[in-house]
PDB file of N, CA and C in Angstrom:
ATOM      1  N   MET A   1     107.561  67.382 114.890  1.00  0.00           N
ATOM      2  CA  MET A   1     107.108  67.028 113.561  1.00  0.00           C
ATOM      3  C   MET A   1     107.682  68.024 112.565  1.00  0.00           C
ATOM      4  N   VAL A   2     108.210  67.540 111.477  1.00  0.00           N
ATOM      5  CA  VAL A   2     108.783  68.406 110.458  1.00  0.00           C
ATOM      6  C   VAL A   2     107.716  68.722 109.417  1.00  0.00           C
ATOM      7  N   GLU A   3     107.539  69.985 109.104  1.00  0.00           N
ATOM      8  CA  GLU A   3     106.580  70.420 108.093  1.00  0.00           C
ATOM      9  C   GLU A   3     107.346  70.935 106.889  1.00  0.00           C
ATOM     10  N   GLU A   4     106.862  70.638 105.685  1.00  0.00           N
ATOM     11  CA  GLU A   4     107.435  71.232 104.496  1.00  0.00           C
ATOM     12  C   GLU A   4     106.962  72.675 104.435  1.00  0.00           C
ATOM     13  N   ALA A   5     107.886  73.602 104.143  1.00  0.00           N
ATOM     14  CA  ALA A   5     107.519  75.007 104.097  1.00  0.00           C
ATOM     15  C   ALA A   5     108.248  75.707 102.962  1.00  0.00           C
ATOM     16  N   LEU A   6     107.593  76.704 102.403  1.00  0.00           N
ATOM     17  CA  LEU A   6     108.191  77.574 101.418  1.00  0.00           C
ATOM     18  C   LEU A   6     108.822  78.716 102.189  1.00  0.00           C
ATOM     19  N   ASP A   7     110.122  78.839 102.105  1.00  0.00           N
ATOM     20  CA  ASP A   7     110.798  79.916 102.825  1.00  0.00           C
ATOM     21  C   ASP A   7     112.027  80.349 102.052  1.00  0.00           C
ATOM     22  N   CYS A   8     112.752  81.266 102.610  1.00  0.00           N
ATOM     23  CA  CYS A   8     113.970  81.748 101.959  1.00  0.00           C
ATOM     24  C   CYS A   8     115.193  81.414 102.784  1.00  0.00           C
ATOM     25  N   PHE A   9     115.133  80.367 103.599  1.00  0.00           N
ATOM     26  CA  PHE A   9     116.293  79.976 104.374  1.00  0.00           C
ATOM     27  C   PHE A   9     117.382  79.443 103.464  1.00  0.00           C
ATOM     28  N   ASN A  10     117.031  78.912 102.319  1.00  0.00           N
ATOM     29  CA  ASN A  10     118.000  78.446 101.337  1.00  0.00           C
ATOM     30  C   ASN A  10     117.708  79.216 100.072  1.00  0.00           C
ATOM     31  N   SER A  11     118.328  80.366  99.912  1.00  0.00           N
ATOM     32  CA  SER A  11     117.979  81.246  98.813  1.00  0.00           C
ATOM     33  C   SER A  11     118.949  81.169  97.642  1.00  0.00           C
ATOM     34  N   ALA A  12     119.783  80.131  97.606  1.00  0.00           N
ATOM     35  CA  ALA A  12     120.683  79.980  96.473  1.00  0.00           C
ATOM     36  C   ALA A  12     119.875  79.642  95.243  1.00  0.00           C
ATOM     37  N   GLY A  13     120.220  80.230  94.139  1.00  0.00           N
ATOM     38  CA  GLY A  13     119.506  79.920  92.913  1.00  0.00           C
ATOM     39  C   GLY A  13     119.911  80.841  91.795  1.00  0.00           C
ATOM     40  N   ILE A  14     119.483  80.505  90.624  1.00  0.00           N
ATOM     41  CA  ILE A  14     119.752  81.313  89.435  1.00  0.00           C
ATOM     42  C   ILE A  14     118.409  81.608  88.789  1.00  0.00           C
ATOM     43  N   VAL A  15     118.172  82.869  88.472  1.00  0.00           N
ATOM     44  CA  VAL A  15     116.949  83.270  87.802  1.00  0.00           C
ATOM     45  C   VAL A  15     117.317  83.698  86.397  1.00  0.00           C
ATOM     46  N   LEU A  16     116.693  83.060  85.418  1.00  0.00           N
ATOM     47  CA  LEU A  16     116.952  83.394  84.023  1.00  0.00           C
ATOM     48  C   LEU A  16     115.805  84.223  83.488  1.00  0.00           C
ATOM     49  N   GLY A  17     116.131  85.215  82.680  1.00  0.00           N
ATOM     50  CA  GLY A  17     115.085  86.043  82.086  1.00  0.00           C
ATOM     51  C   GLY A  17     115.657  87.380  81.670  1.00  0.00           C
ATOM     52  N   GLY A  18     114.790  88.233  81.222  1.00  0.00           N
ATOM     53  CA  GLY A  18     115.211  89.549  80.779  1.00  0.00           C
ATOM     54  C   GLY A  18     115.674  90.419  81.931  1.00  0.00           C
ATOM     55  N   ALA A  19     116.508  91.377  81.599  1.00  0.00           N
ATOM     56  CA  ALA A  19     117.025  92.308  82.609  1.00  0.00           C
ATOM     57  C   ALA A  19     115.897  93.174  83.158  1.00  0.00           C
ATOM     58  N   ILE A  20     115.987  93.510  84.430  1.00  0.00           N
ATOM     59  CA  ILE A  20     115.040  94.421  85.074  1.00  0.00           C
ATOM     60  C   ILE A  20     115.841  95.668  85.435  1.00  0.00           C
ATOM     61  N   PRO A  21     115.765  96.708  84.592  1.00  0.00           N
ATOM     62  CA  PRO A  21     116.646  97.868  84.760  1.00  0.00           C
ATOM     63  C   PRO A  21     116.561  98.549  86.121  1.00  0.00           C
ATOM     64  N   ASP A  22     115.396  98.610  86.732  1.00  0.00           N
ATOM     65  CA  ASP A  22     115.234  99.350  87.987  1.00  0.00           C
ATOM     66  C   ASP A  22     115.112  98.421  89.189  1.00  0.00           C
ATOM     67  N   TRP A  23     115.759  97.246  89.138  1.00  0.00           N
ATOM     68  CA  TRP A  23     115.600  96.263  90.211  1.00  0.00           C
ATOM     69  C   TRP A  23     116.004  96.802  91.565  1.00  0.00           C
ATOM     70  N   GLN A  24     117.047  97.637  91.636  1.00  0.00           N
ATOM     71  CA  GLN A  24     117.474  98.159  92.945  1.00  0.00           C
ATOM     72  C   GLN A  24     116.432  99.104  93.524  1.00  0.00           C
ATOM     73  N   ASP A  25     115.834  99.940  92.688  1.00  0.00           N
ATOM     74  CA  ASP A  25     114.794 100.857  93.167  1.00  0.00           C
ATOM     75  C   ASP A  25     113.591 100.084  93.690  1.00  0.00           C
ATOM     76  N   ARG A  26     113.273  98.964  93.055  1.00  0.00           N
ATOM     77  CA  ARG A  26     112.117  98.165  93.474  1.00  0.00           C
ATOM     78  C   ARG A  26     112.302  97.581  94.873  1.00  0.00           C
ATOM     79  N   LEU A  27     113.550  97.391  95.305  1.00  0.00           N
ATOM     80  CA  LEU A  27     113.809  96.792  96.615  1.00  0.00           C
ATOM     81  C   LEU A  27     113.701  97.784  97.762  1.00  0.00           C
ATOM     82  N   ASN A  28     113.501  99.058  97.464  1.00  0.00           N
ATOM     83  CA  ASN A  28     113.455 100.074  98.510  1.00  0.00           C
ATOM     84  C   ASN A  28     112.077 100.268  99.119  1.00  0.00           C
ATOM     85  N   GLY A  29     111.125  99.472  98.741  1.00  0.00           N
ATOM     86  CA  GLY A  29     109.783  99.565  99.304  1.00  0.00           C
ATOM     87  C   GLY A  29     109.101  98.219  99.215  1.00  0.00           C
ATOM     88  N   PRO A  30     107.838  98.158  99.613  1.00  0.00           N
ATOM     89  CA  PRO A  30     107.111  96.893  99.504  1.00  0.00           C
ATOM     90  C   PRO A  30     107.072  96.417  98.058  1.00  0.00           C
ATOM     91  N   LEU A  31     107.139  95.112  97.875  1.00  0.00           N
ATOM     92  CA  LEU A  31     107.127  94.542  96.531  1.00  0.00           C
ATOM     93  C   LEU A  31     105.719  94.163  96.080  1.00  0.00           C
ATOM     94  N   ASP A  32     104.740  94.245  96.968  1.00  0.00           N
ATOM     95  CA  ASP A  32     103.375  93.812  96.647  1.00  0.00           C
ATOM     96  C   ASP A  32     103.393  92.396  96.089  1.00  0.00           C
ATOM     97  N   LEU A  33     104.000  91.507  96.844  1.00  0.00           N
ATOM     98  CA  LEU A  33     104.155  90.120  96.429  1.00  0.00           C
ATOM     99  C   LEU A  33     102.826  89.369  96.426  1.00  0.00           C
ATOM    100  N   THR A  34     102.677  88.483  95.461  1.00  0.00           N
ATOM    101  CA  THR A  34     101.596  87.512  95.485  1.00  0.00           C
ATOM    102  C   THR A  34     102.237  86.136  95.383  1.00  0.00           C
ATOM    103  N   VAL A  35     101.744  85.205  96.172  1.00  0.00           N
ATOM    104  CA  VAL A  35     102.297  83.847  96.204  1.00  0.00           C
ATOM    105  C   VAL A  35     101.152  82.867  95.972  1.00  0.00           C
ATOM    106  N   SER A  36     101.416  81.860  95.134  1.00  0.00           N
ATOM    107  CA  SER A  36     100.431  80.807  94.874  1.00  0.00           C
ATOM    108  C   SER A  36     101.080  79.449  95.063  1.00  0.00           C
ATOM    109  N   LEU A  37     100.322  78.517  95.613  1.00  0.00           N
ATOM    110  CA  LEU A  37     100.741  77.122  95.758  1.00  0.00           C
ATOM    111  C   LEU A  37      99.783  76.278  94.940  1.00  0.00           C
ATOM    112  N   ASP A  38     100.335  75.534  94.006  1.00  0.00           N
ATOM    113  CA  ASP A  38      99.514  74.708  93.095  1.00  0.00           C
ATOM    114  C   ASP A  38      98.377  75.529  92.496  1.00  0.00           C
ATOM    115  N   GLY A  39      98.661  76.774  92.137  1.00  0.00           N
ATOM    116  CA  GLY A  39      97.681  77.637  91.479  1.00  0.00           C
ATOM    117  C   GLY A  39      96.710  78.345  92.393  1.00  0.00           C
ATOM    118  N   ARG A  40      96.778  78.104  93.704  1.00  0.00           N
ATOM    119  CA  ARG A  40      95.889  78.766  94.661  1.00  0.00           C
ATOM    120  C   ARG A  40      96.659  79.853  95.395  1.00  0.00           C
ATOM    121  N   ARG A  41      96.134  81.067  95.364  1.00  0.00           N
ATOM    122  CA  ARG A  41      96.803  82.178  96.039  1.00  0.00           C
ATOM    123  C   ARG A  41      96.765  81.976  97.552  1.00  0.00           C
ATOM    124  N   VAL A  42      97.905  82.279  98.209  1.00  0.00           N
ATOM    125  CA  VAL A  42      97.999  82.159  99.666  1.00  0.00           C
ATOM    126  C   VAL A  42      98.459  83.492 100.244  1.00  0.00           C
ATOM    127  N   ALA A  43      98.166  83.706 101.510  1.00  0.00           N
ATOM    128  CA  ALA A  43      98.570  84.947 102.178  1.00  0.00           C
ATOM    129  C   ALA A  43     100.084  84.988 102.321  1.00  0.00           C
ATOM    130  N   ALA A  44     100.661  86.128 101.994  1.00  0.00           N
ATOM    131  CA  ALA A  44     102.106  86.326 102.109  1.00  0.00           C
ATOM    132  C   ALA A  44     102.359  87.781 102.473  1.00  0.00           C
ATOM    133  N   THR A  45     102.369  88.056 103.758  1.00  0.00           N
ATOM    134  CA  THR A  45     102.567  89.425 104.234  1.00  0.00           C
ATOM    135  C   THR A  45     104.051  89.754 104.241  1.00  0.00           C
ATOM    136  N   GLU A  46     104.405  90.849 103.579  1.00  0.00           N
ATOM    137  CA  GLU A  46     105.812  91.261 103.538  1.00  0.00           C
ATOM    138  C   GLU A  46     106.246  91.790 104.897  1.00  0.00           C
ATOM    139  N   GLN A  47     107.417  91.323 105.329  1.00  0.00           N
ATOM    140  CA  GLN A  47     107.954  91.742 106.612  1.00  0.00           C
ATOM    141  C   GLN A  47     109.365  92.273 106.489  1.00  0.00           C
ATOM    142  N   GLY A  48     109.938  92.154 105.344  1.00  0.00           N
ATOM    143  CA  GLY A  48     111.354  92.429 105.179  1.00  0.00           C
ATOM    144  C   GLY A  48     111.724  93.898 105.203  1.00  0.00           C
ATOM    145  N   ALA A  49     112.992  94.108 105.430  1.00  0.00           N
ATOM    146  CA  ALA A  49     113.550  95.458 105.433  1.00  0.00           C
ATOM    147  C   ALA A  49     113.796  95.925 103.999  1.00  0.00           C
ATOM    148  N   THR A  50     113.861  97.226 103.815  1.00  0.00           N
ATOM    149  CA  THR A  50     114.216  97.766 102.505  1.00  0.00           C
ATOM    150  C   THR A  50     115.706  97.547 102.263  1.00  0.00           C
ATOM    151  N   LEU A  51     116.136  97.754 101.037  1.00  0.00           N
ATOM    152  CA  LEU A  51     117.547  97.615 100.705  1.00  0.00           C
ATOM    153  C   LEU A  51     118.391  98.572 101.552  1.00  0.00           C
ATOM    154  N   LEU A  52     117.932  99.799 101.726  1.00  0.00           N
ATOM    155  CA  LEU A  52     118.676 100.777 102.529  1.00  0.00           C
ATOM    156  C   LEU A  52     118.753 100.337 103.994  1.00  0.00           C
ATOM    157  N   GLN A  53     117.662  99.830 104.550  1.00  0.00           N
ATOM    158  CA  GLN A  53     117.678  99.348 105.929  1.00  0.00           C
ATOM    159  C   GLN A  53     118.633  98.162 106.074  1.00  0.00           C
ATOM    160  N   THR A  54     118.664  97.294 105.077  1.00  0.00           N
ATOM    161  CA  THR A  54     119.568  96.143 105.117  1.00  0.00           C
ATOM    162  C   THR A  54     121.018  96.612 105.055  1.00  0.00           C
ATOM    163  N   GLU A  55     121.315  97.588 104.211  1.00  0.00           N
ATOM    164  CA  GLU A  55     122.675  98.128 104.132  1.00  0.00           C
ATOM    165  C   GLU A  55     123.088  98.738 105.465  1.00  0.00           C
ATOM    166  N   ASP A  56     122.187  99.497 106.091  1.00  0.00           N
ATOM    167  CA  ASP A  56     122.483 100.100 107.399  1.00  0.00           C
ATOM    168  C   ASP A  56     122.763  99.023 108.438  1.00  0.00           C
ATOM    169  N   PHE A  57     121.948  97.961 108.437  1.00  0.00           N
ATOM    170  CA  PHE A  57     122.149  96.866 109.381  1.00  0.00           C
ATOM    171  C   PHE A  57     123.501  96.196 109.149  1.00  0.00           C
ATOM    172  N   LEU A  58     123.856  95.935 107.893  1.00  0.00           N
ATOM    173  CA  LEU A  58     125.126  95.273 107.600  1.00  0.00           C
ATOM    174  C   LEU A  58     126.315  96.133 108.037  1.00  0.00           C
ATOM    175  N   ALA A  59     126.217  97.444 107.873  1.00  0.00           N
ATOM    176  CA  ALA A  59     127.286  98.336 108.341  1.00  0.00           C
ATOM    177  C   ALA A  59     127.401  98.239 109.864  1.00  0.00           C
ATOM    178  N   TRP A  60     126.266  98.306 110.571  1.00  0.00           N
ATOM    179  CA  TRP A  60     126.260  98.190 112.030  1.00  0.00           C
ATOM    180  C   TRP A  60     126.841  96.845 112.460  1.00  0.00           C
ATOM    181  N   LEU A  61     126.404  95.763 111.819  1.00  0.00           N
ATOM    182  CA  LEU A  61     126.860  94.430 112.164  1.00  0.00           C
ATOM    183  C   LEU A  61     128.369  94.286 111.960  1.00  0.00           C
ATOM    184  N   SER A  62     128.887  94.819 110.875  1.00  0.00           N
ATOM    185  CA  SER A  62     130.327  94.734 110.594  1.00  0.00           C
ATOM    186  C   SER A  62     131.150  95.406 111.678  1.00  0.00           C
ATOM    187  N   ILE A  63     130.702  96.566 112.113  1.00  0.00           N
ATOM    188  CA  ILE A  63     131.417  97.309 113.157  1.00  0.00           C
ATOM    189  C   ILE A  63     131.373  96.538 114.476  1.00  0.00           C
ATOM    190  N   ARG A  64     130.186  96.040 114.864  1.00  0.00           N
ATOM    191  CA  ARG A  64     130.060  95.306 116.123  1.00  0.00           C
ATOM    192  C   ARG A  64     130.859  94.005 116.088  1.00  0.00           C
ATOM    193  N   ALA A  65     130.822  93.303 114.958  1.00  0.00           N
ATOM    194  CA  ALA A  65     131.583  92.054 114.834  1.00  0.00           C
ATOM    195  C   ALA A  65     133.080  92.329 114.950  1.00  0.00           C
ATOM    196  N   ALA A  66     133.555  93.392 114.312  1.00  0.00           N
ATOM    197  CA  ALA A  66     134.977  93.752 114.403  1.00  0.00           C
ATOM    198  C   ALA A  66     135.346  94.103 115.838  1.00  0.00           C
ATOM    199  N   ASP A  67     134.458  94.821 116.547  1.00  0.00           N
ATOM    200  CA  ASP A  67     134.698  95.163 117.953  1.00  0.00           C
ATOM    201  C   ASP A  67     134.843  93.918 118.819  1.00  0.00           C
ATOM    202  N   MET A  68     134.202  92.825 118.431  1.00  0.00           N
ATOM    203  CA  MET A  68     134.257  91.574 119.183  1.00  0.00           C
ATOM    204  C   MET A  68     135.366  90.654 118.669  1.00  0.00           C
ATOM    205  N   GLY A  69     136.190  91.161 117.737  1.00  0.00           N
ATOM    206  CA  GLY A  69     137.280  90.362 117.197  1.00  0.00           C
ATOM    207  C   GLY A  69     136.854  89.379 116.120  1.00  0.00           C
ATOM    208  N   LEU A  70     135.687  89.600 115.547  1.00  0.00           N
ATOM    209  CA  LEU A  70     135.159  88.713 114.503  1.00  0.00           C
ATOM    210  C   LEU A  70     134.802  89.504 113.239  1.00  0.00           C
ATOM    211  N   PRO A  71     135.759  90.233 112.673  1.00  0.00           N
ATOM    212  CA  PRO A  71     135.413  91.058 111.509  1.00  0.00           C
ATOM    213  C   PRO A  71     135.024  90.191 110.314  1.00  0.00           C
ATOM    214  N   PRO A  72     134.059  90.642 109.521  1.00  0.00           N
ATOM    215  CA  PRO A  72     133.715  89.901 108.303  1.00  0.00           C
ATOM    216  C   PRO A  72     134.934  89.843 107.384  1.00  0.00           C
ATOM    217  N   VAL A  73     135.155  88.707 106.771  1.00  0.00           N
ATOM    218  CA  VAL A  73     136.266  88.519 105.838  1.00  0.00           C
ATOM    219  C   VAL A  73     135.703  87.940 104.546  1.00  0.00           C
ATOM    220  N   THR A  74     136.522  87.890 103.526  1.00  0.00           N
ATOM    221  CA  THR A  74     136.092  87.306 102.266  1.00  0.00           C
ATOM    222  C   THR A  74     135.527  85.919 102.519  1.00  0.00           C
ATOM    223  N   GLY A  75     134.355  85.671 101.996  1.00  0.00           N
ATOM    224  CA  GLY A  75     133.703  84.386 102.185  1.00  0.00           C
ATOM    225  C   GLY A  75     132.692  84.370 103.310  1.00  0.00           C
ATOM    226  N   THR A  76     132.637  85.437 104.125  1.00  0.00           N
ATOM    227  CA  THR A  76     131.644  85.511 105.192  1.00  0.00           C
ATOM    228  C   THR A  76     130.251  85.567 104.570  1.00  0.00           C
ATOM    229  N   VAL A  77     129.344  84.765 105.087  1.00  0.00           N
ATOM    230  CA  VAL A  77     127.963  84.753 104.607  1.00  0.00           C
ATOM    231  C   VAL A  77     127.076  85.317 105.707  1.00  0.00           C
ATOM    232  N   ILE A  78     126.277  86.304 105.366  1.00  0.00           N
ATOM    233  CA  ILE A  78     125.337  86.899 106.318  1.00  0.00           C
ATOM    234  C   ILE A  78     123.945  86.729 105.730  1.00  0.00           C
ATOM    235  N   ILE A  79     123.078  86.062 106.463  1.00  0.00           N
ATOM    236  CA  ILE A  79     121.700  85.893 106.016  1.00  0.00           C
ATOM    237  C   ILE A  79     120.895  87.036 106.609  1.00  0.00           C
ATOM    238  N   SER A  80     120.386  87.910 105.745  1.00  0.00           N
ATOM    239  CA  SER A  80     119.733  89.124 106.228  1.00  0.00           C
ATOM    240  C   SER A  80     118.224  88.989 106.373  1.00  0.00           C
ATOM    241  N   GLY A  81     117.664  87.888 105.964  1.00  0.00           N
ATOM    242  CA  GLY A  81     116.231  87.694 106.135  1.00  0.00           C
ATOM    243  C   GLY A  81     115.487  87.666 104.822  1.00  0.00           C
ATOM    244  N   ALA A  82     114.238  87.311 104.911  1.00  0.00           N
ATOM    245  CA  ALA A  82     113.388  87.176 103.740  1.00  0.00           C
ATOM    246  C   ALA A  82     112.290  88.233 103.781  1.00  0.00           C
ATOM    247  N   ARG A  83     111.661  88.480 102.662  1.00  0.00           N
ATOM    248  CA  ARG A  83     110.547  89.424 102.588  1.00  0.00           C
ATOM    249  C   ARG A  83     109.272  88.851 103.189  1.00  0.00           C
ATOM    250  N   ILE A  84     109.140  87.526 103.164  1.00  0.00           N
ATOM    251  CA  ILE A  84     107.953  86.882 103.730  1.00  0.00           C
ATOM    252  C   ILE A  84     108.402  85.799 104.698  1.00  0.00           C
ATOM    253  N   GLY A  85     107.559  85.479 105.632  1.00  0.00           N
ATOM    254  CA  GLY A  85     107.872  84.404 106.568  1.00  0.00           C
ATOM    255  C   GLY A  85     107.616  83.054 105.914  1.00  0.00           C
ATOM    256  N   PRO A  86     107.926  81.975 106.613  1.00  0.00           N
ATOM    257  CA  PRO A  86     107.672  80.644 106.058  1.00  0.00           C
ATOM    258  C   PRO A  86     106.189  80.434 105.758  1.00  0.00           C
ATOM    259  N   ILE A  87     105.914  79.727 104.672  1.00  0.00           N
ATOM    260  CA  ILE A  87     104.549  79.376 104.287  1.00  0.00           C
ATOM    261  C   ILE A  87     104.495  77.862 104.170  1.00  0.00           C
ATOM    262  N   LEU A  88     103.640  77.218 104.952  1.00  0.00           N
ATOM    263  CA  LEU A  88     103.529  75.767 104.896  1.00  0.00           C
ATOM    264  C   LEU A  88     103.035  75.342 103.520  1.00  0.00           C
ATOM    265  N   LEU A  89     103.690  74.339 102.942  1.00  0.00           N
ATOM    266  CA  LEU A  89     103.334  73.875 101.601  1.00  0.00           C
ATOM    267  C   LEU A  89     102.029  73.093 101.589  1.00  0.00           C
ATOM    268  N   GLY A  90     101.711  72.387 102.667  1.00  0.00           N
ATOM    269  CA  GLY A  90     100.470  71.629 102.716  1.00  0.00           C
ATOM    270  C   GLY A  90     100.337  70.628 101.583  1.00  0.00           C
ATOM    271  N   GLY A  91     101.459  70.039 101.178  1.00  0.00           N
ATOM    272  CA  GLY A  91     101.438  69.052 100.104  1.00  0.00           C
ATOM    273  C   GLY A  91     101.568  69.635  98.708  1.00  0.00           C
ATOM    274  N   ALA A  92     101.603  70.953  98.576  1.00  0.00           N
ATOM    275  CA  ALA A  92     101.733  71.572  97.252  1.00  0.00           C
ATOM    276  C   ALA A  92     103.056  71.175  96.612  1.00  0.00           C
ATOM    277  N   ARG A  93     103.069  71.094  95.311  1.00  0.00           N
ATOM    278  CA  ARG A  93     104.270  70.706  94.577  1.00  0.00           C
ATOM    279  C   ARG A  93     104.782  71.813  93.670  1.00  0.00           C
ATOM    280  N   GLU A  94     104.020  72.904  93.514  1.00  0.00           N
ATOM    281  CA  GLU A  94     104.486  74.033  92.711  1.00  0.00           C
ATOM    282  C   GLU A  94     104.156  75.337  93.420  1.00  0.00           C
ATOM    283  N   ALA A  95     105.087  76.265  93.357  1.00  0.00           N
ATOM    284  CA  ALA A  95     104.885  77.583  93.949  1.00  0.00           C
ATOM    285  C   ALA A  95     105.275  78.645  92.938  1.00  0.00           C
ATOM    286  N   THR A  96     104.537  79.732  92.922  1.00  0.00           N
ATOM    287  CA  THR A  96     104.908  80.892  92.114  1.00  0.00           C
ATOM    288  C   THR A  96     104.805  82.127  92.997  1.00  0.00           C
ATOM    289  N   ALA A  97     105.647  83.088  92.697  1.00  0.00           N
ATOM    290  CA  ALA A  97     105.600  84.377  93.381  1.00  0.00           C
ATOM    291  C   ALA A  97     105.739  85.461  92.330  1.00  0.00           C
ATOM    292  N   SER A  98     104.955  86.518  92.486  1.00  0.00           N
ATOM    293  CA  SER A  98     104.978  87.621  91.532  1.00  0.00           C
ATOM    294  C   SER A  98     105.132  88.935  92.260  1.00  0.00           C
ATOM    295  N   ALA A  99     105.876  89.828  91.631  1.00  0.00           N
ATOM    296  CA  ALA A  99     106.009  91.214  92.091  1.00  0.00           C
ATOM    297  C   ALA A  99     105.925  92.072  90.835  1.00  0.00           C
ATOM    298  N   GLY A 100     104.790  92.717  90.653  1.00  0.00           N
ATOM    299  CA  GLY A 100     104.591  93.470  89.423  1.00  0.00           C
ATOM    300  C   GLY A 100     104.554  92.528  88.234  1.00  0.00           C
ATOM    301  N   SER A 101     105.369  92.810  87.224  1.00  0.00           N
ATOM    302  CA  SER A 101     105.374  91.996  86.011  1.00  0.00           C
ATOM    303  C   SER A 101     106.366  90.831  86.084  1.00  0.00           C
ATOM    304  N   VAL A 102     107.042  90.686  87.214  1.00  0.00           N
ATOM    305  CA  VAL A 102     108.059  89.642  87.372  1.00  0.00           C
ATOM    306  C   VAL A 102     107.469  88.462  88.129  1.00  0.00           C
ATOM    307  N   THR A 103     107.603  87.257  87.563  1.00  0.00           N
ATOM    308  CA  THR A 103     107.102  86.041  88.206  1.00  0.00           C
ATOM    309  C   THR A 103     108.202  84.989  88.215  1.00  0.00           C
ATOM    310  N   VAL A 104     108.358  84.320  89.357  1.00  0.00           N
ATOM    311  CA  VAL A 104     109.289  83.197  89.464  1.00  0.00           C
ATOM    312  C   VAL A 104     108.507  82.010  90.005  1.00  0.00           C
ATOM    313  N   GLY A 105     109.006  80.807  89.732  1.00  0.00           N
ATOM    314  CA  GLY A 105     108.319  79.618  90.191  1.00  0.00           C
ATOM    315  C   GLY A 105     109.308  78.536  90.582  1.00  0.00           C
ATOM    316  N   ALA A 106     108.796  77.575  91.341  1.00  0.00           N
ATOM    317  CA  ALA A 106     109.615  76.440  91.770  1.00  0.00           C
ATOM    318  C   ALA A 106     108.719  75.223  91.878  1.00  0.00           C
ATOM    319  N   SER A 107     109.303  74.048  91.609  1.00  0.00           N
ATOM    320  CA  SER A 107     108.609  72.781  91.790  1.00  0.00           C
ATOM    321  C   SER A 107     109.302  72.005  92.892  1.00  0.00           C
ATOM    322  N   PHE A 108     108.525  71.265  93.674  1.00  0.00           N
ATOM    323  CA  PHE A 108     109.050  70.535  94.814  1.00  0.00           C
ATOM    324  C   PHE A 108     108.736  69.054  94.684  1.00  0.00           C
ATOM    325  N   SER A 109     109.613  68.232  95.211  1.00  0.00           N
ATOM    326  CA  SER A 109     109.327  66.803  95.325  1.00  0.00           C
ATOM    327  C   SER A 109     109.907  66.333  96.650  1.00  0.00           C
ATOM    328  N   VAL A 110     109.324  65.294  97.196  1.00  0.00           N
ATOM    329  CA  VAL A 110     109.779  64.757  98.476  1.00  0.00           C
ATOM    330  C   VAL A 110     110.713  63.600  98.206  1.00  0.00           C
ATOM    331  N   VAL A 111     111.890  63.654  98.826  1.00  0.00           N
ATOM    332  CA  VAL A 111     112.859  62.564  98.712  1.00  0.00           C
ATOM    333  C   VAL A 111     112.969  61.914 100.081  1.00  0.00           C
ATOM    334  N   ALA A 112     112.622  60.653 100.154  1.00  0.00           N
ATOM    335  CA  ALA A 112     112.635  59.965 101.451  1.00  0.00           C
ATOM    336  C   ALA A 112     114.012  59.460 101.790  1.00  0.00           C
TER     337      ALA A 112
END
């Protein structure tokens, strides 16, 4: 059975808004995320690595891939993971996530 879920498996997107000067520093620790579906807050435990841990992993991965004859090249896409695991939508049509003063949202519809 296929369930609709809020996840970051497809993280392509554009976020419009004011600049966040210290965005890189914010990624080095927990973001204290809050997630809501149709206005109701849901549990969203952060599991992701810090920016520094992700950089270390990518360096390790590049070396191992090159050792196996598969070095990363221009256009290589590496999915490093999400800060939260999948959250079942349960029929919700709008989601918002906040970290500090920054909030993003998305609307969903089902296409048969």
